[in-house]
Amino acid sequence: MRKLMWIVSLLAASLLSGCGYNEFQTRDEQVKAAWSEVLNQYKRRADLIPNLVNTVQGYAAHEREVLTGVTEARARATSVQLPPEALDNPEAVRRFQEAQGQLSGALGRLLVVAEAYPQLKADANFRDLQAQLEGTENRITTARNRFIKAVQEYNILARQFPTNLTAMMFGYKPKASFEVENEKAISEPPKVDFAPKSAVPAAPSAASPSPPSAPKPPTK
């Protein structure tokens, strides 16, 4: 009896391995690990923002609208949570992506405004924060691309035959991914031109008729 149970267990393990069950576990863990790195980099960016805003405020306090916009966008982005178990919910991923994209746009506007303040650009703390932010943005891009690739590999496994049968049997749904082009459009900062505008010449007014000349005195 014990030998029969051992044989059945071995056959069950072979069937699960052959139908992709074990590969699903591996791919799922890879997606979770890649997503954790994305979240870590977004958190790193969020942690840099308060110091960046305070530094800019020291030189450009009257840029209240831009400073407030960054602060509010950060609050929205950090309030939208997306745990790994919600990655199969496209709407939840869209909300998270939109909030992070809006924060990217607000940061872009802040840095554009900073270009108008030479003393701010020369501030060592600002330069250091700007360099850290740039490095974090690069790491976000790298982490996000790895996540997109991990999700793509998982979704291929969930949709192709015969592993799609395993997906249906165990309820493995395709996971939502980032739509990078949409976020790029959301994050695009507006064009700001600080060059002085040339004066537009006034339109010439209609010439007024000249007054009639006085009559010449008669010659003698």
N, C-alpha and C. Protein backbone atom coordinates (compact mmCIF):
# COMPACT_ATOMS: atom_id res chain seq x y z
N MET A 1 0.84 -1.19 0.00
CA MET A 1 0.00 0.00 0.00
C MET A 1 0.88 1.26 0.00
N ARG A 2 1.92 1.25 0.84
CA ARG A 2 2.80 2.41 0.91
C ARG A 2 3.52 2.60 -0.42
N LYS A 3 3.87 1.47 -1.05
CA LYS A 3 4.55 1.55 -2.34
C LYS A 3 3.62 2.12 -3.40
N LEU A 4 2.33 1.75 -3.34
CA LEU A 4 1.35 2.26 -4.31
C LEU A 4 1.17 3.77 -4.14
N MET A 5 1.11 4.23 -2.90
CA MET A 5 0.96 5.66 -2.65
C MET A 5 2.17 6.43 -3.17
N TRP A 6 3.35 5.82 -3.00
CA TRP A 6 4.57 6.47 -3.48
C TRP A 6 4.54 6.59 -5.00
N ILE A 7 4.06 5.55 -5.66
CA ILE A 7 3.97 5.57 -7.14
C ILE A 7 2.97 6.62 -7.60
N VAL A 8 1.81 6.68 -6.91
CA VAL A 8 0.79 7.67 -7.28
C VAL A 8 1.33 9.09 -7.10
N SER A 9 2.03 9.31 -5.98
CA SER A 9 2.60 10.64 -5.74
C SER A 9 3.62 11.00 -6.80
N LEU A 10 4.42 10.03 -7.20
CA LEU A 10 5.42 10.27 -8.23
C LEU A 10 4.77 10.61 -9.57
N LEU A 11 3.69 9.88 -9.89
CA LEU A 11 2.97 10.15 -11.13
C LEU A 11 2.33 11.53 -11.10
N ALA A 12 1.74 11.87 -9.94
CA ALA A 12 1.10 13.20 -9.82
C ALA A 12 2.13 14.32 -9.97
N ALA A 13 3.31 14.12 -9.36
CA ALA A 13 4.36 15.13 -9.48
C ALA A 13 4.83 15.26 -10.91
N SER A 14 4.92 14.12 -11.61
CA SER A 14 5.36 14.15 -13.01
C SER A 14 4.33 14.87 -13.88
N LEU A 15 3.04 14.60 -13.61
CA LEU A 15 1.98 15.25 -14.39
C LEU A 15 1.97 16.76 -14.16
N LEU A 16 2.10 17.15 -12.88
CA LEU A 16 2.10 18.59 -12.57
C LEU A 16 3.29 19.28 -13.21
N SER A 17 4.46 18.60 -13.18
CA SER A 17 5.64 19.20 -13.78
C SER A 17 5.48 19.29 -15.30
N GLY A 18 4.91 18.24 -15.90
CA GLY A 18 4.75 18.22 -17.35
C GLY A 18 3.73 19.23 -17.84
N CYS A 19 2.73 19.56 -17.03
CA CYS A 19 1.69 20.51 -17.48
C CYS A 19 2.05 21.95 -17.13
N GLY A 20 3.24 22.17 -16.58
CA GLY A 20 3.70 23.53 -16.34
C GLY A 20 3.41 24.07 -14.96
N TYR A 21 2.91 23.25 -14.06
CA TYR A 21 2.56 23.76 -12.72
C TYR A 21 3.77 24.38 -12.04
N ASN A 22 4.88 23.65 -12.04
CA ASN A 22 6.08 24.16 -11.37
C ASN A 22 6.60 25.42 -12.04
N GLU A 23 6.48 25.48 -13.35
CA GLU A 23 6.95 26.66 -14.06
C GLU A 23 6.10 27.88 -13.72
N PHE A 24 4.81 27.65 -13.49
CA PHE A 24 3.94 28.75 -13.06
C PHE A 24 4.42 29.32 -11.74
N GLN A 25 4.81 28.45 -10.82
CA GLN A 25 5.29 28.92 -9.53
C GLN A 25 6.56 29.76 -9.69
N THR A 26 7.45 29.29 -10.57
CA THR A 26 8.70 30.01 -10.80
C THR A 26 8.43 31.38 -11.42
N ARG A 27 7.59 31.39 -12.47
CA ARG A 27 7.29 32.66 -13.14
C ARG A 27 6.57 33.63 -12.22
N ASP A 28 5.69 33.12 -11.40
CA ASP A 28 4.94 33.98 -10.48
C ASP A 28 5.89 34.64 -9.49
N GLU A 29 6.85 33.88 -8.97
CA GLU A 29 7.83 34.45 -8.04
C GLU A 29 8.71 35.48 -8.73
N GLN A 30 9.03 35.25 -9.99
CA GLN A 30 9.84 36.22 -10.74
C GLN A 30 9.07 37.53 -10.93
N VAL A 31 7.78 37.43 -11.21
CA VAL A 31 6.96 38.63 -11.34
C VAL A 31 6.92 39.39 -10.03
N LYS A 32 6.72 38.69 -8.93
CA LYS A 32 6.64 39.34 -7.62
C LYS A 32 7.96 40.02 -7.27
N ALA A 33 9.08 39.35 -7.57
CA ALA A 33 10.38 39.93 -7.26
C ALA A 33 10.62 41.18 -8.11
N ALA A 34 10.26 41.11 -9.38
CA ALA A 34 10.44 42.26 -10.27
C ALA A 34 9.56 43.42 -9.83
N TRP A 35 8.34 43.11 -9.38
CA TRP A 35 7.43 44.17 -8.93
C TRP A 35 7.92 44.81 -7.64
N SER A 36 8.49 44.02 -6.76
CA SER A 36 9.03 44.56 -5.51
C SER A 36 10.13 45.57 -5.80
N GLU A 37 10.95 45.30 -6.82
CA GLU A 37 12.01 46.24 -7.17
C GLU A 37 11.44 47.53 -7.75
N VAL A 38 10.36 47.41 -8.54
CA VAL A 38 9.70 48.61 -9.06
C VAL A 38 9.20 49.47 -7.90
N LEU A 39 8.54 48.85 -6.94
CA LEU A 39 8.02 49.58 -5.79
C LEU A 39 9.14 50.23 -4.98
N ASN A 40 10.26 49.51 -4.83
CA ASN A 40 11.39 50.07 -4.08
C ASN A 40 11.91 51.35 -4.73
N GLN A 41 12.01 51.33 -6.06
CA GLN A 41 12.54 52.50 -6.76
C GLN A 41 11.54 53.66 -6.73
N TYR A 42 10.25 53.37 -6.84
CA TYR A 42 9.26 54.44 -6.73
C TYR A 42 9.28 55.04 -5.32
N LYS A 43 9.47 54.20 -4.31
CA LYS A 43 9.56 54.71 -2.94
C LYS A 43 10.80 55.58 -2.76
N ARG A 44 11.89 55.16 -3.36
CA ARG A 44 13.12 55.95 -3.28
C ARG A 44 12.88 57.34 -3.88
N ARG A 45 12.18 57.39 -5.01
CA ARG A 45 11.88 58.68 -5.62
C ARG A 45 11.00 59.53 -4.70
N ALA A 46 9.97 58.92 -4.14
CA ALA A 46 9.07 59.65 -3.25
C ALA A 46 9.81 60.20 -2.04
N ASP A 47 10.81 59.46 -1.54
CA ASP A 47 11.56 59.92 -0.38
C ASP A 47 12.46 61.12 -0.70
N LEU A 48 12.85 61.27 -1.96
CA LEU A 48 13.70 62.39 -2.35
C LEU A 48 12.91 63.70 -2.50
N ILE A 49 11.63 63.58 -2.78
CA ILE A 49 10.84 64.76 -3.18
C ILE A 49 10.73 65.82 -2.08
N PRO A 50 10.45 65.48 -0.81
CA PRO A 50 10.32 66.54 0.19
C PRO A 50 11.56 67.43 0.28
N ASN A 51 12.76 66.84 0.28
CA ASN A 51 13.98 67.65 0.33
C ASN A 51 14.13 68.49 -0.93
N LEU A 52 13.77 67.93 -2.07
CA LEU A 52 13.87 68.68 -3.32
C LEU A 52 12.93 69.88 -3.30
N VAL A 53 11.70 69.68 -2.85
CA VAL A 53 10.73 70.77 -2.79
C VAL A 53 11.19 71.85 -1.82
N ASN A 54 11.71 71.46 -0.66
CA ASN A 54 12.19 72.44 0.32
C ASN A 54 13.36 73.25 -0.22
N THR A 55 14.24 72.59 -0.97
CA THR A 55 15.38 73.31 -1.53
C THR A 55 14.93 74.33 -2.58
N VAL A 56 14.04 73.91 -3.45
CA VAL A 56 13.53 74.83 -4.48
C VAL A 56 12.77 75.98 -3.82
N GLN A 57 12.01 75.67 -2.79
CA GLN A 57 11.21 76.69 -2.11
C GLN A 57 12.10 77.78 -1.51
N GLY A 58 13.32 77.41 -1.10
CA GLY A 58 14.22 78.39 -0.53
C GLY A 58 14.62 79.48 -1.51
N TYR A 59 14.57 79.16 -2.81
CA TYR A 59 14.97 80.13 -3.82
C TYR A 59 13.78 80.64 -4.65
N ALA A 60 12.71 79.87 -4.67
CA ALA A 60 11.59 80.22 -5.54
C ALA A 60 10.28 80.00 -4.81
N ALA A 61 10.13 80.63 -3.66
CA ALA A 61 8.95 80.42 -2.84
C ALA A 61 7.68 80.86 -3.54
N HIS A 62 7.78 81.83 -4.45
CA HIS A 62 6.57 82.33 -5.11
C HIS A 62 6.06 81.38 -6.19
N GLU A 63 6.84 80.32 -6.51
CA GLU A 63 6.37 79.32 -7.47
C GLU A 63 5.43 78.35 -6.75
N ARG A 64 4.45 78.92 -6.09
CA ARG A 64 3.61 78.15 -5.19
C ARG A 64 2.83 77.05 -5.93
N GLU A 65 2.33 77.37 -7.11
CA GLU A 65 1.50 76.40 -7.83
C GLU A 65 2.29 75.14 -8.20
N VAL A 66 3.52 75.34 -8.66
CA VAL A 66 4.36 74.19 -9.04
C VAL A 66 4.74 73.38 -7.81
N LEU A 67 5.14 74.06 -6.74
CA LEU A 67 5.54 73.36 -5.51
C LEU A 67 4.39 72.57 -4.92
N THR A 68 3.21 73.20 -4.89
CA THR A 68 2.03 72.51 -4.38
C THR A 68 1.66 71.32 -5.25
N GLY A 69 1.81 71.50 -6.57
CA GLY A 69 1.48 70.41 -7.49
C GLY A 69 2.33 69.17 -7.26
N VAL A 70 3.63 69.37 -7.01
CA VAL A 70 4.51 68.23 -6.74
C VAL A 70 4.13 67.56 -5.43
N THR A 71 3.87 68.35 -4.40
CA THR A 71 3.52 67.79 -3.10
C THR A 71 2.22 66.99 -3.17
N GLU A 72 1.23 67.53 -3.86
CA GLU A 72 -0.05 66.83 -3.98
C GLU A 72 0.09 65.58 -4.84
N ALA A 73 0.87 65.65 -5.90
CA ALA A 73 1.07 64.47 -6.76
C ALA A 73 1.79 63.37 -6.00
N ARG A 74 2.74 63.75 -5.14
CA ARG A 74 3.43 62.75 -4.32
C ARG A 74 2.45 62.08 -3.36
N ALA A 75 1.57 62.88 -2.76
CA ALA A 75 0.59 62.32 -1.82
C ALA A 75 -0.33 61.33 -2.52
N ARG A 76 -0.76 61.68 -3.75
CA ARG A 76 -1.63 60.76 -4.49
C ARG A 76 -0.89 59.48 -4.86
N ALA A 77 0.35 59.64 -5.32
CA ALA A 77 1.11 58.47 -5.77
C ALA A 77 1.38 57.50 -4.62
N THR A 78 1.69 58.04 -3.44
CA THR A 78 1.99 57.15 -2.31
C THR A 78 0.73 56.55 -1.70
N SER A 79 -0.44 57.14 -2.01
CA SER A 79 -1.69 56.61 -1.45
C SER A 79 -2.26 55.47 -2.30
N VAL A 80 -1.84 55.37 -3.55
CA VAL A 80 -2.34 54.30 -4.44
C VAL A 80 -1.44 53.09 -4.26
N GLN A 81 -1.96 52.07 -3.60
CA GLN A 81 -1.19 50.86 -3.32
C GLN A 81 -1.52 49.78 -4.35
N LEU A 82 -0.50 49.00 -4.70
CA LEU A 82 -0.70 47.90 -5.66
C LEU A 82 0.12 46.70 -5.21
N PRO A 83 -0.44 45.88 -4.31
CA PRO A 83 0.28 44.68 -3.86
C PRO A 83 0.36 43.65 -4.99
N PRO A 84 1.29 42.68 -4.91
CA PRO A 84 1.46 41.70 -5.99
C PRO A 84 0.20 40.94 -6.34
N GLU A 85 -0.66 40.68 -5.35
CA GLU A 85 -1.87 39.90 -5.64
C GLU A 85 -2.89 40.67 -6.46
N ALA A 86 -2.67 41.99 -6.63
CA ALA A 86 -3.60 42.80 -7.44
C ALA A 86 -3.08 43.01 -8.86
N LEU A 87 -1.98 42.36 -9.22
CA LEU A 87 -1.39 42.58 -10.54
C LEU A 87 -2.22 41.98 -11.67
N ASP A 88 -3.20 41.13 -11.35
CA ASP A 88 -4.08 40.61 -12.40
C ASP A 88 -5.32 41.49 -12.57
N ASN A 89 -5.32 42.67 -11.93
CA ASN A 89 -6.43 43.62 -12.04
C ASN A 89 -5.98 44.81 -12.89
N PRO A 90 -6.35 44.84 -14.18
CA PRO A 90 -5.88 45.92 -15.07
C PRO A 90 -6.25 47.31 -14.57
N GLU A 91 -7.42 47.46 -13.96
CA GLU A 91 -7.85 48.77 -13.49
C GLU A 91 -6.97 49.26 -12.34
N ALA A 92 -6.61 48.34 -11.44
CA ALA A 92 -5.74 48.72 -10.32
C ALA A 92 -4.35 49.12 -10.83
N VAL A 93 -3.84 48.39 -11.81
CA VAL A 93 -2.54 48.73 -12.39
C VAL A 93 -2.62 50.08 -13.10
N ARG A 94 -3.72 50.34 -13.79
CA ARG A 94 -3.89 51.61 -14.50
C ARG A 94 -3.89 52.78 -13.51
N ARG A 95 -4.60 52.63 -12.39
CA ARG A 95 -4.65 53.71 -11.40
C ARG A 95 -3.26 53.98 -10.81
N PHE A 96 -2.54 52.90 -10.51
CA PHE A 96 -1.20 53.06 -9.96
C PHE A 96 -0.29 53.76 -10.97
N GLN A 97 -0.33 53.29 -12.20
CA GLN A 97 0.52 53.85 -13.24
C GLN A 97 0.19 55.32 -13.50
N GLU A 98 -1.09 55.64 -13.49
CA GLU A 98 -1.50 57.02 -13.74
C GLU A 98 -1.01 57.95 -12.62
N ALA A 99 -1.11 57.49 -11.38
CA ALA A 99 -0.65 58.31 -10.25
C ALA A 99 0.86 58.54 -10.32
N GLN A 100 1.62 57.50 -10.65
CA GLN A 100 3.06 57.66 -10.76
C GLN A 100 3.42 58.54 -11.96
N GLY A 101 2.67 58.41 -13.04
CA GLY A 101 2.93 59.23 -14.22
C GLY A 101 2.66 60.70 -13.95
N GLN A 102 1.61 60.99 -13.19
CA GLN A 102 1.31 62.38 -12.84
C GLN A 102 2.40 62.97 -11.94
N LEU A 103 2.95 62.15 -11.06
CA LEU A 103 4.06 62.61 -10.23
C LEU A 103 5.29 62.90 -11.09
N SER A 104 5.55 62.06 -12.08
CA SER A 104 6.67 62.31 -13.00
C SER A 104 6.48 63.64 -13.72
N GLY A 105 5.24 63.90 -14.16
CA GLY A 105 4.96 65.16 -14.83
C GLY A 105 5.16 66.36 -13.93
N ALA A 106 4.71 66.26 -12.68
CA ALA A 106 4.87 67.36 -11.73
C ALA A 106 6.35 67.62 -11.43
N LEU A 107 7.13 66.55 -11.31
CA LEU A 107 8.56 66.71 -11.10
C LEU A 107 9.23 67.37 -12.30
N GLY A 108 8.79 66.98 -13.49
CA GLY A 108 9.33 67.60 -14.69
C GLY A 108 9.08 69.09 -14.72
N ARG A 109 7.88 69.50 -14.34
CA ARG A 109 7.56 70.93 -14.31
C ARG A 109 8.39 71.67 -13.27
N LEU A 110 8.63 71.01 -12.14
CA LEU A 110 9.46 71.64 -11.10
C LEU A 110 10.88 71.88 -11.60
N LEU A 111 11.45 70.91 -12.28
CA LEU A 111 12.82 71.04 -12.77
C LEU A 111 12.91 72.07 -13.90
N VAL A 112 11.85 72.18 -14.69
CA VAL A 112 11.84 73.21 -15.74
C VAL A 112 11.83 74.59 -15.11
N VAL A 113 11.02 74.78 -14.08
CA VAL A 113 10.96 76.07 -13.39
C VAL A 113 12.32 76.39 -12.76
N ALA A 114 13.00 75.38 -12.23
CA ALA A 114 14.29 75.60 -11.57
C ALA A 114 15.33 76.17 -12.54
N GLU A 115 15.15 75.94 -13.83
CA GLU A 115 16.09 76.47 -14.81
C GLU A 115 16.12 77.99 -14.80
N ALA A 116 15.08 78.63 -14.30
CA ALA A 116 15.02 80.09 -14.32
C ALA A 116 15.74 80.71 -13.13
N TYR A 117 16.31 79.89 -12.23
CA TYR A 117 16.93 80.42 -11.01
C TYR A 117 18.39 79.97 -10.95
N PRO A 118 19.30 80.79 -11.45
CA PRO A 118 20.73 80.39 -11.48
C PRO A 118 21.29 80.06 -10.10
N GLN A 119 20.88 80.82 -9.07
CA GLN A 119 21.39 80.54 -7.73
C GLN A 119 20.94 79.17 -7.23
N LEU A 120 19.72 78.79 -7.57
CA LEU A 120 19.21 77.47 -7.20
C LEU A 120 20.00 76.38 -7.91
N LYS A 121 20.24 76.58 -9.20
CA LYS A 121 20.99 75.58 -9.97
C LYS A 121 22.42 75.42 -9.45
N ALA A 122 22.94 76.49 -8.85
CA ALA A 122 24.30 76.43 -8.32
C ALA A 122 24.36 75.86 -6.91
N ASP A 123 23.22 75.68 -6.27
CA ASP A 123 23.17 75.17 -4.90
C ASP A 123 23.63 73.71 -4.88
N ALA A 124 24.59 73.38 -4.03
CA ALA A 124 25.17 72.03 -3.99
C ALA A 124 24.12 71.00 -3.60
N ASN A 125 23.26 71.34 -2.66
CA ASN A 125 22.23 70.40 -2.22
C ASN A 125 21.26 70.10 -3.36
N PHE A 126 20.89 71.14 -4.11
CA PHE A 126 19.97 70.94 -5.24
C PHE A 126 20.62 70.06 -6.30
N ARG A 127 21.89 70.32 -6.59
CA ARG A 127 22.58 69.51 -7.61
C ARG A 127 22.66 68.05 -7.19
N ASP A 128 22.91 67.83 -5.89
CA ASP A 128 22.99 66.45 -5.39
C ASP A 128 21.63 65.76 -5.48
N LEU A 129 20.58 66.47 -5.08
CA LEU A 129 19.23 65.89 -5.16
C LEU A 129 18.84 65.63 -6.61
N GLN A 130 19.18 66.53 -7.50
CA GLN A 130 18.86 66.36 -8.91
C GLN A 130 19.57 65.13 -9.48
N ALA A 131 20.84 64.94 -9.09
CA ALA A 131 21.59 63.77 -9.55
C ALA A 131 20.98 62.48 -9.00
N GLN A 132 20.59 62.51 -7.72
CA GLN A 132 19.96 61.32 -7.13
C GLN A 132 18.63 61.02 -7.82
N LEU A 133 17.87 62.06 -8.13
CA LEU A 133 16.59 61.87 -8.79
C LEU A 133 16.78 61.29 -10.19
N GLU A 134 17.77 61.80 -10.90
CA GLU A 134 18.04 61.29 -12.24
C GLU A 134 18.43 59.82 -12.19
N GLY A 135 19.30 59.47 -11.23
CA GLY A 135 19.69 58.07 -11.09
C GLY A 135 18.52 57.18 -10.73
N THR A 136 17.63 57.68 -9.88
CA THR A 136 16.45 56.91 -9.48
C THR A 136 15.52 56.70 -10.66
N GLU A 137 15.34 57.74 -11.48
CA GLU A 137 14.49 57.60 -12.66
C GLU A 137 15.04 56.53 -13.60
N ASN A 138 16.36 56.47 -13.74
CA ASN A 138 16.97 55.44 -14.58
C ASN A 138 16.74 54.05 -14.00
N ARG A 139 16.84 53.95 -12.66
CA ARG A 139 16.60 52.64 -12.03
C ARG A 139 15.13 52.25 -12.12
N ILE A 140 14.24 53.23 -12.07
CA ILE A 140 12.81 52.94 -12.25
C ILE A 140 12.58 52.35 -13.63
N THR A 141 13.18 52.96 -14.65
CA THR A 141 13.02 52.46 -16.02
C THR A 141 13.53 51.04 -16.15
N THR A 142 14.71 50.77 -15.57
CA THR A 142 15.28 49.42 -15.64
C THR A 142 14.39 48.41 -14.92
N ALA A 143 13.96 48.76 -13.70
CA ALA A 143 13.12 47.84 -12.93
C ALA A 143 11.79 47.60 -13.62
N ARG A 144 11.23 48.65 -14.20
CA ARG A 144 9.94 48.51 -14.87
C ARG A 144 10.05 47.63 -16.10
N ASN A 145 11.16 47.76 -16.84
CA ASN A 145 11.36 46.93 -18.03
C ASN A 145 11.51 45.46 -17.64
N ARG A 146 12.19 45.20 -16.53
CA ARG A 146 12.33 43.81 -16.07
C ARG A 146 10.98 43.26 -15.64
N PHE A 147 10.18 44.10 -15.01
CA PHE A 147 8.84 43.66 -14.62
C PHE A 147 7.99 43.35 -15.85
N ILE A 148 8.03 44.22 -16.84
CA ILE A 148 7.26 43.99 -18.07
C ILE A 148 7.66 42.67 -18.72
N LYS A 149 8.97 42.38 -18.75
CA LYS A 149 9.45 41.13 -19.34
C LYS A 149 8.97 39.93 -18.52
N ALA A 150 9.02 40.03 -17.18
CA ALA A 150 8.58 38.92 -16.34
C ALA A 150 7.09 38.66 -16.52
N VAL A 151 6.29 39.72 -16.61
CA VAL A 151 4.85 39.56 -16.83
C VAL A 151 4.58 38.94 -18.20
N GLN A 152 5.34 39.37 -19.20
CA GLN A 152 5.16 38.82 -20.55
C GLN A 152 5.41 37.32 -20.56
N GLU A 153 6.47 36.88 -19.90
CA GLU A 153 6.79 35.45 -19.86
C GLU A 153 5.72 34.67 -19.10
N TYR A 154 5.20 35.25 -18.02
CA TYR A 154 4.14 34.59 -17.26
C TYR A 154 2.87 34.48 -18.11
N ASN A 155 2.51 35.56 -18.78
CA ASN A 155 1.28 35.56 -19.57
C ASN A 155 1.35 34.61 -20.76
N ILE A 156 2.53 34.49 -21.36
CA ILE A 156 2.70 33.52 -22.46
C ILE A 156 2.43 32.11 -21.93
N LEU A 157 2.96 31.83 -20.75
CA LEU A 157 2.74 30.51 -20.14
C LEU A 157 1.26 30.28 -19.85
N ALA A 158 0.56 31.33 -19.42
CA ALA A 158 -0.85 31.19 -19.06
C ALA A 158 -1.76 31.06 -20.29
N ARG A 159 -1.27 31.44 -21.47
CA ARG A 159 -2.13 31.46 -22.64
C ARG A 159 -1.80 30.38 -23.67
N GLN A 160 -0.58 29.87 -23.64
CA GLN A 160 -0.22 28.90 -24.67
C GLN A 160 -0.64 27.49 -24.25
N PHE A 161 -0.85 26.64 -25.25
CA PHE A 161 -1.22 25.24 -25.02
C PHE A 161 0.04 24.42 -24.82
N PRO A 162 0.05 23.47 -23.89
CA PRO A 162 -1.04 22.98 -23.04
C PRO A 162 -1.08 23.63 -21.65
N THR A 163 -0.12 24.53 -21.37
CA THR A 163 -0.07 25.10 -20.02
C THR A 163 -1.29 25.97 -19.72
N ASN A 164 -2.00 26.41 -20.76
CA ASN A 164 -3.22 27.19 -20.50
C ASN A 164 -4.27 26.34 -19.80
N LEU A 165 -4.23 25.01 -20.00
CA LEU A 165 -5.16 24.13 -19.30
C LEU A 165 -4.86 24.13 -17.79
N THR A 166 -3.56 24.14 -17.47
CA THR A 166 -3.18 24.23 -16.06
C THR A 166 -3.61 25.56 -15.47
N ALA A 167 -3.47 26.62 -16.25
CA ALA A 167 -3.89 27.94 -15.78
C ALA A 167 -5.37 27.96 -15.47
N MET A 168 -6.18 27.36 -16.35
CA MET A 168 -7.62 27.31 -16.11
C MET A 168 -7.95 26.44 -14.90
N MET A 169 -7.22 25.34 -14.74
CA MET A 169 -7.50 24.42 -13.65
C MET A 169 -7.20 25.05 -12.29
N PHE A 170 -6.10 25.83 -12.21
CA PHE A 170 -5.69 26.40 -10.92
C PHE A 170 -6.02 27.88 -10.79
N GLY A 171 -6.67 28.43 -11.78
CA GLY A 171 -7.10 29.83 -11.70
C GLY A 171 -5.97 30.84 -11.87
N TYR A 172 -4.97 30.49 -12.67
CA TYR A 172 -3.88 31.43 -12.94
C TYR A 172 -4.29 32.39 -14.05
N LYS A 173 -4.58 33.63 -13.69
CA LYS A 173 -5.03 34.61 -14.66
C LYS A 173 -3.84 35.40 -15.21
N PRO A 174 -3.94 35.87 -16.47
CA PRO A 174 -2.88 36.75 -16.99
C PRO A 174 -2.76 38.00 -16.12
N LYS A 175 -1.56 38.50 -15.98
CA LYS A 175 -1.30 39.67 -15.15
C LYS A 175 -1.24 40.92 -16.02
N ALA A 176 -1.70 42.03 -15.47
CA ALA A 176 -1.64 43.32 -16.19
C ALA A 176 -0.22 43.86 -16.14
N SER A 177 0.14 44.61 -17.18
CA SER A 177 1.48 45.18 -17.24
C SER A 177 1.39 46.67 -17.49
N PHE A 178 2.52 47.35 -17.42
CA PHE A 178 2.56 48.77 -17.71
C PHE A 178 2.40 49.02 -19.20
N GLU A 179 1.74 50.13 -19.52
CA GLU A 179 1.70 50.62 -20.89
C GLU A 179 2.60 51.83 -20.94
N VAL A 180 3.86 51.60 -21.30
CA VAL A 180 4.90 52.61 -21.15
C VAL A 180 4.59 53.85 -21.98
N GLU A 181 4.07 53.70 -23.18
CA GLU A 181 3.81 54.86 -24.03
C GLU A 181 2.78 55.78 -23.40
N ASN A 182 1.74 55.21 -22.77
CA ASN A 182 0.73 56.04 -22.11
C ASN A 182 1.35 56.83 -20.96
N GLU A 183 2.21 56.18 -20.17
CA GLU A 183 2.82 56.89 -19.06
C GLU A 183 3.75 57.98 -19.56
N LYS A 184 4.43 57.71 -20.68
CA LYS A 184 5.32 58.73 -21.23
C LYS A 184 4.53 59.98 -21.60
N ALA A 185 3.33 59.79 -22.16
CA ALA A 185 2.50 60.94 -22.52
C ALA A 185 2.04 61.68 -21.27
N ILE A 186 1.68 60.93 -20.22
CA ILE A 186 1.24 61.56 -18.97
C ILE A 186 2.38 62.35 -18.34
N SER A 187 3.61 61.82 -18.46
CA SER A 187 4.74 62.40 -17.75
C SER A 187 5.39 63.56 -18.50
N GLU A 188 4.99 63.81 -19.73
CA GLU A 188 5.66 64.83 -20.53
C GLU A 188 5.42 66.22 -19.94
N PRO A 189 6.48 66.92 -19.51
CA PRO A 189 6.28 68.26 -18.94
C PRO A 189 5.95 69.26 -20.03
N PRO A 190 5.26 70.33 -19.69
CA PRO A 190 4.95 71.33 -20.69
C PRO A 190 6.19 72.08 -21.12
N LYS A 191 6.16 72.62 -22.31
CA LYS A 191 7.27 73.43 -22.81
C LYS A 191 7.18 74.82 -22.20
N VAL A 192 8.26 75.23 -21.56
CA VAL A 192 8.31 76.56 -20.93
C VAL A 192 9.48 77.31 -21.53
N ASP A 193 9.23 78.50 -22.03
CA ASP A 193 10.27 79.32 -22.65
C ASP A 193 10.51 80.55 -21.80
N PHE A 194 11.74 80.65 -21.25
CA PHE A 194 12.06 81.77 -20.40
C PHE A 194 12.70 82.93 -21.17
N ALA A 195 12.84 82.80 -22.48
CA ALA A 195 13.43 83.88 -23.27
C ALA A 195 12.46 85.04 -23.32
N PRO A 196 12.98 86.27 -23.24
CA PRO A 196 12.08 87.43 -23.30
C PRO A 196 11.38 87.51 -24.64
N LYS A 197 10.11 87.80 -24.55
CA LYS A 197 9.33 87.90 -25.78
C LYS A 197 9.61 89.25 -26.43
N SER A 198 9.79 89.27 -27.76
CA SER A 198 10.00 90.52 -28.48
C SER A 198 8.69 91.27 -28.57
N ALA A 199 8.79 92.59 -28.49
CA ALA A 199 7.58 93.41 -28.55
C ALA A 199 6.97 93.35 -29.93
N VAL A 200 5.67 93.24 -29.97
CA VAL A 200 4.96 93.20 -31.24
C VAL A 200 4.66 94.62 -31.67
N PRO A 201 5.11 95.03 -32.87
CA PRO A 201 4.87 96.41 -33.28
C PRO A 201 3.39 96.68 -33.42
N ALA A 202 3.00 97.90 -33.00
CA ALA A 202 1.58 98.26 -33.09
C ALA A 202 1.20 98.48 -34.54
N ALA A 203 -0.04 98.15 -34.83
CA ALA A 203 -0.53 98.31 -36.20
C ALA A 203 -0.60 99.79 -36.53
N PRO A 204 -0.15 100.17 -37.72
CA PRO A 204 -0.18 101.59 -38.06
C PRO A 204 -1.60 102.10 -38.14
N SER A 205 -1.82 103.32 -37.57
CA SER A 205 -3.16 103.91 -37.61
C SER A 205 -3.40 104.56 -38.96
N ALA A 206 -4.66 104.69 -39.31
CA ALA A 206 -5.01 105.29 -40.59
C ALA A 206 -4.56 106.74 -40.62
N ALA A 207 -3.97 107.15 -41.72
CA ALA A 207 -3.45 108.53 -41.82
C ALA A 207 -4.59 109.52 -41.81
N SER A 208 -4.47 110.53 -40.94
CA SER A 208 -5.52 111.54 -40.87
C SER A 208 -5.30 112.57 -41.97
N PRO A 209 -6.38 113.09 -42.56
CA PRO A 209 -6.21 114.04 -43.66
C PRO A 209 -5.54 115.31 -43.15
N SER A 210 -4.60 115.85 -43.99
CA SER A 210 -3.89 117.06 -43.60
C SER A 210 -4.82 118.26 -43.69
N PRO A 211 -4.66 119.25 -42.78
CA PRO A 211 -5.55 120.41 -42.80
C PRO A 211 -5.32 121.22 -44.07
N PRO A 212 -6.36 121.89 -44.55
CA PRO A 212 -6.21 122.68 -45.79
C PRO A 212 -5.25 123.81 -45.59
N SER A 213 -4.43 124.06 -46.60
CA SER A 213 -3.41 125.13 -46.49
C SER A 213 -4.09 126.50 -46.60
N ALA A 214 -3.51 127.46 -45.90
CA ALA A 214 -4.08 128.82 -45.94
C ALA A 214 -3.90 129.43 -47.33
N PRO A 215 -4.86 130.24 -47.80
CA PRO A 215 -4.75 130.82 -49.16
C PRO A 215 -3.61 131.82 -49.21
N LYS A 216 -2.89 131.83 -50.33
CA LYS A 216 -1.77 132.75 -50.51
C LYS A 216 -2.30 134.16 -50.75
N PRO A 217 -1.59 135.18 -50.20
CA PRO A 217 -2.04 136.57 -50.44
C PRO A 217 -1.86 136.96 -51.90
N PRO A 218 -2.76 137.79 -52.44
CA PRO A 218 -2.65 138.15 -53.85
C PRO A 218 -1.38 138.96 -54.10
N THR A 219 -0.77 138.68 -55.22
CA THR A 219 0.47 139.38 -55.62
C THR A 219 0.12 140.73 -56.21
N LYS A 220 1.00 141.69 -55.95
CA LYS A 220 0.76 143.03 -56.50
C LYS A 220 1.38 143.14 -57.87
